[in-house]
N, C-alpha and C. Protein backbone atom coordinates (compact mmCIF):
# COMPACT_ATOMS: atom_id res chain seq x y z
N MET A 1 0.84 -1.17 0.00
CA MET A 1 0.00 0.00 0.00
C MET A 1 0.88 1.24 0.00
N THR A 2 0.77 2.01 -1.00
CA THR A 2 1.56 3.23 -1.07
C THR A 2 0.67 4.40 -1.44
N THR A 3 1.06 5.57 -1.02
CA THR A 3 0.35 6.79 -1.38
C THR A 3 1.37 7.77 -1.93
N PRO A 4 0.93 8.68 -2.80
CA PRO A 4 1.88 9.65 -3.33
C PRO A 4 2.46 10.52 -2.23
N GLY A 5 3.75 10.76 -2.27
CA GLY A 5 4.41 11.64 -1.31
C GLY A 5 4.37 13.07 -1.80
N THR A 6 4.94 13.96 -1.02
CA THR A 6 4.89 15.37 -1.38
C THR A 6 5.95 15.76 -2.38
N ILE A 7 7.01 14.95 -2.54
CA ILE A 7 8.09 15.33 -3.45
C ILE A 7 8.33 14.21 -4.47
N GLY A 8 7.28 13.64 -5.00
CA GLY A 8 7.42 12.65 -6.04
C GLY A 8 7.81 11.25 -5.58
N THR A 9 7.93 11.03 -4.26
CA THR A 9 8.22 9.69 -3.76
C THR A 9 6.94 9.07 -3.25
N LYS A 10 6.91 7.74 -3.24
CA LYS A 10 5.72 7.06 -2.72
C LYS A 10 5.91 6.77 -1.24
N ARG A 11 4.87 7.07 -0.48
CA ARG A 11 4.89 6.78 0.95
C ARG A 11 4.48 5.34 1.16
N LYS A 12 5.16 4.65 2.04
CA LYS A 12 4.83 3.27 2.37
C LYS A 12 3.90 3.27 3.57
N ILE A 13 2.94 2.37 3.55
CA ILE A 13 1.94 2.33 4.61
C ILE A 13 1.98 0.97 5.30
N VAL A 14 2.02 0.99 6.63
CA VAL A 14 1.86 -0.21 7.44
C VAL A 14 0.57 -0.03 8.23
N THR A 15 -0.33 -1.00 8.11
CA THR A 15 -1.60 -0.93 8.83
C THR A 15 -1.61 -1.99 9.92
N LEU A 16 -1.88 -1.56 11.15
CA LEU A 16 -1.99 -2.47 12.30
C LEU A 16 -3.46 -2.66 12.62
N SER A 17 -3.87 -3.92 12.76
CA SER A 17 -5.28 -4.21 13.07
C SER A 17 -5.36 -5.36 14.05
N LEU A 18 -6.40 -5.34 14.85
CA LEU A 18 -6.69 -6.44 15.76
C LEU A 18 -7.55 -7.45 15.01
N ILE A 19 -7.07 -8.69 14.89
CA ILE A 19 -7.80 -9.72 14.15
C ILE A 19 -7.79 -11.03 14.93
N ARG A 20 -8.59 -11.99 14.49
CA ARG A 20 -8.55 -13.34 15.04
C ARG A 20 -7.81 -14.21 14.04
N HIS A 21 -6.82 -14.95 14.54
CA HIS A 21 -6.04 -15.85 13.69
C HIS A 21 -5.85 -17.16 14.42
N ARG A 22 -6.35 -18.22 13.84
CA ARG A 22 -6.27 -19.56 14.46
C ARG A 22 -6.83 -19.57 15.87
N GLY A 23 -7.96 -18.87 16.03
CA GLY A 23 -8.67 -18.86 17.31
C GLY A 23 -8.10 -17.92 18.37
N LYS A 24 -7.09 -17.15 18.02
CA LYS A 24 -6.49 -16.24 18.99
C LYS A 24 -6.54 -14.81 18.47
N GLU A 25 -6.60 -13.87 19.41
CA GLU A 25 -6.57 -12.45 19.05
C GLU A 25 -5.12 -12.03 18.84
N VAL A 26 -4.85 -11.48 17.65
CA VAL A 26 -3.50 -11.04 17.31
C VAL A 26 -3.57 -9.65 16.69
N VAL A 27 -2.44 -8.99 16.67
CA VAL A 27 -2.31 -7.72 15.96
C VAL A 27 -1.62 -8.02 14.65
N SER A 28 -2.26 -7.65 13.54
CA SER A 28 -1.65 -7.88 12.23
C SER A 28 -0.90 -6.64 11.78
N LEU A 29 0.16 -6.86 11.03
CA LEU A 29 0.95 -5.80 10.41
C LEU A 29 0.88 -6.06 8.90
N VAL A 30 0.19 -5.19 8.18
CA VAL A 30 -0.06 -5.41 6.76
C VAL A 30 0.59 -4.29 5.95
N PHE A 31 1.34 -4.67 4.92
CA PHE A 31 1.98 -3.70 4.03
C PHE A 31 2.34 -4.40 2.73
N ASP A 32 2.53 -3.61 1.67
CA ASP A 32 3.01 -4.16 0.41
C ASP A 32 4.41 -4.74 0.63
N ARG A 33 4.70 -5.81 -0.09
CA ARG A 33 6.00 -6.46 0.07
C ARG A 33 7.14 -5.46 -0.16
N ASP A 34 8.02 -5.39 0.83
CA ASP A 34 9.16 -4.49 0.78
C ASP A 34 10.22 -5.10 1.68
N GLU A 35 11.35 -5.47 1.11
CA GLU A 35 12.40 -6.16 1.87
C GLU A 35 12.89 -5.35 3.08
N GLN A 36 12.99 -4.03 2.94
CA GLN A 36 13.45 -3.21 4.07
C GLN A 36 12.43 -3.22 5.20
N LEU A 37 11.13 -3.15 4.87
CA LEU A 37 10.10 -3.20 5.92
C LEU A 37 10.08 -4.57 6.57
N ILE A 38 10.26 -5.62 5.77
CA ILE A 38 10.29 -6.98 6.33
C ILE A 38 11.43 -7.11 7.34
N GLU A 39 12.58 -6.57 7.01
CA GLU A 39 13.71 -6.62 7.95
C GLU A 39 13.39 -5.87 9.24
N CYS A 40 12.69 -4.74 9.14
CA CYS A 40 12.27 -3.99 10.34
C CYS A 40 11.32 -4.83 11.18
N VAL A 41 10.33 -5.45 10.55
CA VAL A 41 9.34 -6.26 11.26
C VAL A 41 10.01 -7.43 11.97
N LYS A 42 10.99 -8.03 11.33
CA LYS A 42 11.67 -9.19 11.92
C LYS A 42 12.41 -8.84 13.21
N THR A 43 12.66 -7.55 13.46
CA THR A 43 13.33 -7.16 14.70
C THR A 43 12.36 -7.13 15.88
N LEU A 44 11.06 -7.20 15.61
CA LEU A 44 10.06 -7.17 16.69
C LEU A 44 9.98 -8.54 17.35
N PRO A 45 10.08 -8.60 18.67
CA PRO A 45 10.03 -9.90 19.35
C PRO A 45 8.65 -10.55 19.20
N GLY A 46 8.65 -11.84 18.89
CA GLY A 46 7.41 -12.61 18.84
C GLY A 46 6.58 -12.44 17.58
N VAL A 47 7.07 -11.70 16.61
CA VAL A 47 6.30 -11.49 15.38
C VAL A 47 6.52 -12.69 14.46
N ALA A 48 5.44 -13.14 13.82
CA ALA A 48 5.52 -14.29 12.93
C ALA A 48 4.79 -14.00 11.63
N TRP A 49 5.20 -14.70 10.58
CA TRP A 49 4.56 -14.60 9.27
C TRP A 49 3.48 -15.67 9.17
N SER A 50 2.30 -15.26 8.72
CA SER A 50 1.22 -16.21 8.47
C SER A 50 1.13 -16.47 6.97
N ARG A 51 1.46 -17.68 6.56
CA ARG A 51 1.36 -18.03 5.14
C ARG A 51 -0.09 -18.11 4.70
N SER A 52 -0.97 -18.51 5.61
CA SER A 52 -2.39 -18.65 5.25
C SER A 52 -3.07 -17.30 5.06
N ARG A 53 -2.63 -16.27 5.79
CA ARG A 53 -3.26 -14.95 5.71
C ARG A 53 -2.38 -13.92 4.99
N ASN A 54 -1.13 -14.29 4.69
CA ASN A 54 -0.18 -13.39 4.03
C ASN A 54 0.00 -12.08 4.79
N LEU A 55 0.29 -12.21 6.08
CA LEU A 55 0.54 -11.03 6.90
C LEU A 55 1.42 -11.40 8.08
N TRP A 56 2.02 -10.37 8.66
CA TRP A 56 2.80 -10.53 9.88
C TRP A 56 1.86 -10.33 11.06
N HIS A 57 2.11 -11.02 12.18
CA HIS A 57 1.23 -10.87 13.35
C HIS A 57 1.99 -11.11 14.64
N ARG A 58 1.37 -10.63 15.73
CA ARG A 58 1.91 -10.78 17.08
C ARG A 58 0.74 -10.98 18.03
N LYS A 59 0.89 -11.84 19.00
CA LYS A 59 -0.17 -12.06 19.97
C LYS A 59 -0.56 -10.73 20.61
N SER A 60 -1.85 -10.49 20.69
CA SER A 60 -2.37 -9.21 21.17
C SER A 60 -1.95 -8.85 22.60
N PRO A 61 -2.07 -9.77 23.58
CA PRO A 61 -1.72 -9.38 24.96
C PRO A 61 -0.27 -8.95 25.12
N LYS A 62 0.62 -9.40 24.25
CA LYS A 62 2.04 -9.07 24.38
C LYS A 62 2.48 -7.98 23.41
N PHE A 63 1.54 -7.44 22.65
CA PHE A 63 1.87 -6.44 21.64
C PHE A 63 2.21 -5.11 22.29
N ARG A 64 3.28 -4.47 21.79
CA ARG A 64 3.68 -3.14 22.30
C ARG A 64 3.86 -2.20 21.13
N LEU A 65 2.98 -1.23 21.04
CA LEU A 65 3.01 -0.27 19.94
C LEU A 65 4.32 0.51 19.91
N ASP A 66 4.86 0.83 21.07
CA ASP A 66 6.12 1.57 21.11
C ASP A 66 7.25 0.81 20.43
N LYS A 67 7.21 -0.53 20.50
CA LYS A 67 8.24 -1.34 19.86
C LYS A 67 8.12 -1.27 18.33
N VAL A 68 6.89 -1.13 17.83
CA VAL A 68 6.68 -1.00 16.38
C VAL A 68 7.29 0.31 15.91
N PHE A 69 6.98 1.40 16.62
CA PHE A 69 7.55 2.69 16.24
C PHE A 69 9.08 2.66 16.32
N GLU A 70 9.60 1.98 17.32
CA GLU A 70 11.05 1.87 17.46
C GLU A 70 11.67 1.10 16.28
N ALA A 71 11.01 0.01 15.87
CA ALA A 71 11.53 -0.80 14.76
C ALA A 71 11.56 -0.02 13.45
N PHE A 72 10.60 0.88 13.26
CA PHE A 72 10.50 1.64 12.02
C PHE A 72 11.10 3.04 12.13
N ARG A 73 11.76 3.35 13.22
CA ARG A 73 12.35 4.67 13.42
C ARG A 73 13.29 5.03 12.26
N GLY A 74 13.21 6.29 11.83
CA GLY A 74 14.08 6.76 10.76
C GLY A 74 13.55 6.52 9.37
N ARG A 75 12.39 5.89 9.25
CA ARG A 75 11.79 5.62 7.95
C ARG A 75 10.83 6.76 7.62
N ASP A 76 11.34 7.86 7.08
CA ASP A 76 10.55 9.06 6.81
C ASP A 76 9.46 8.84 5.78
N GLU A 77 9.65 7.86 4.89
CA GLU A 77 8.66 7.63 3.84
C GLU A 77 7.51 6.74 4.32
N LEU A 78 7.49 6.42 5.61
CA LEU A 78 6.54 5.45 6.15
C LEU A 78 5.41 6.11 6.93
N GLU A 79 4.20 5.58 6.74
CA GLU A 79 3.04 5.98 7.54
C GLU A 79 2.52 4.73 8.22
N ILE A 80 2.21 4.84 9.51
CA ILE A 80 1.66 3.72 10.26
C ILE A 80 0.24 4.08 10.66
N PHE A 81 -0.71 3.23 10.26
CA PHE A 81 -2.11 3.41 10.63
C PHE A 81 -2.48 2.33 11.65
N VAL A 82 -3.19 2.72 12.70
CA VAL A 82 -3.59 1.80 13.74
C VAL A 82 -5.11 1.74 13.77
N ALA A 83 -5.66 0.54 13.59
CA ALA A 83 -7.09 0.32 13.69
C ALA A 83 -7.38 -0.45 14.97
N GLY A 84 -8.49 -0.19 15.62
CA GLY A 84 -8.86 -0.91 16.83
C GLY A 84 -7.98 -0.59 18.02
N THR A 85 -7.56 0.66 18.15
CA THR A 85 -6.63 1.04 19.22
C THR A 85 -7.19 0.82 20.61
N HIS A 86 -8.50 0.73 20.75
CA HIS A 86 -9.08 0.55 22.08
C HIS A 86 -8.72 -0.81 22.68
N LYS A 87 -8.29 -1.78 21.87
CA LYS A 87 -7.93 -3.09 22.38
C LYS A 87 -6.44 -3.36 22.33
N ILE A 88 -5.66 -2.52 21.68
CA ILE A 88 -4.22 -2.79 21.56
C ILE A 88 -3.52 -2.33 22.83
């Protein structure tokens, strides 16, 4: 998912959502395939790739939003959207 940037570059978007996966509540991290973003996500403890849903996820009770921002720090072209913040 990308949106036009202000200076001709495309902004990358990561969307966080609370979902049910295999009977458990998890936080999903969804974005267009990008090797640099994948490397950032892999630094988050407990994050796993779901082949069945094609998304990254983390168990909801152990999810820490501050760790997501820390993993993506310095990525000026990135926008992070959070859905369902009342449960995260």
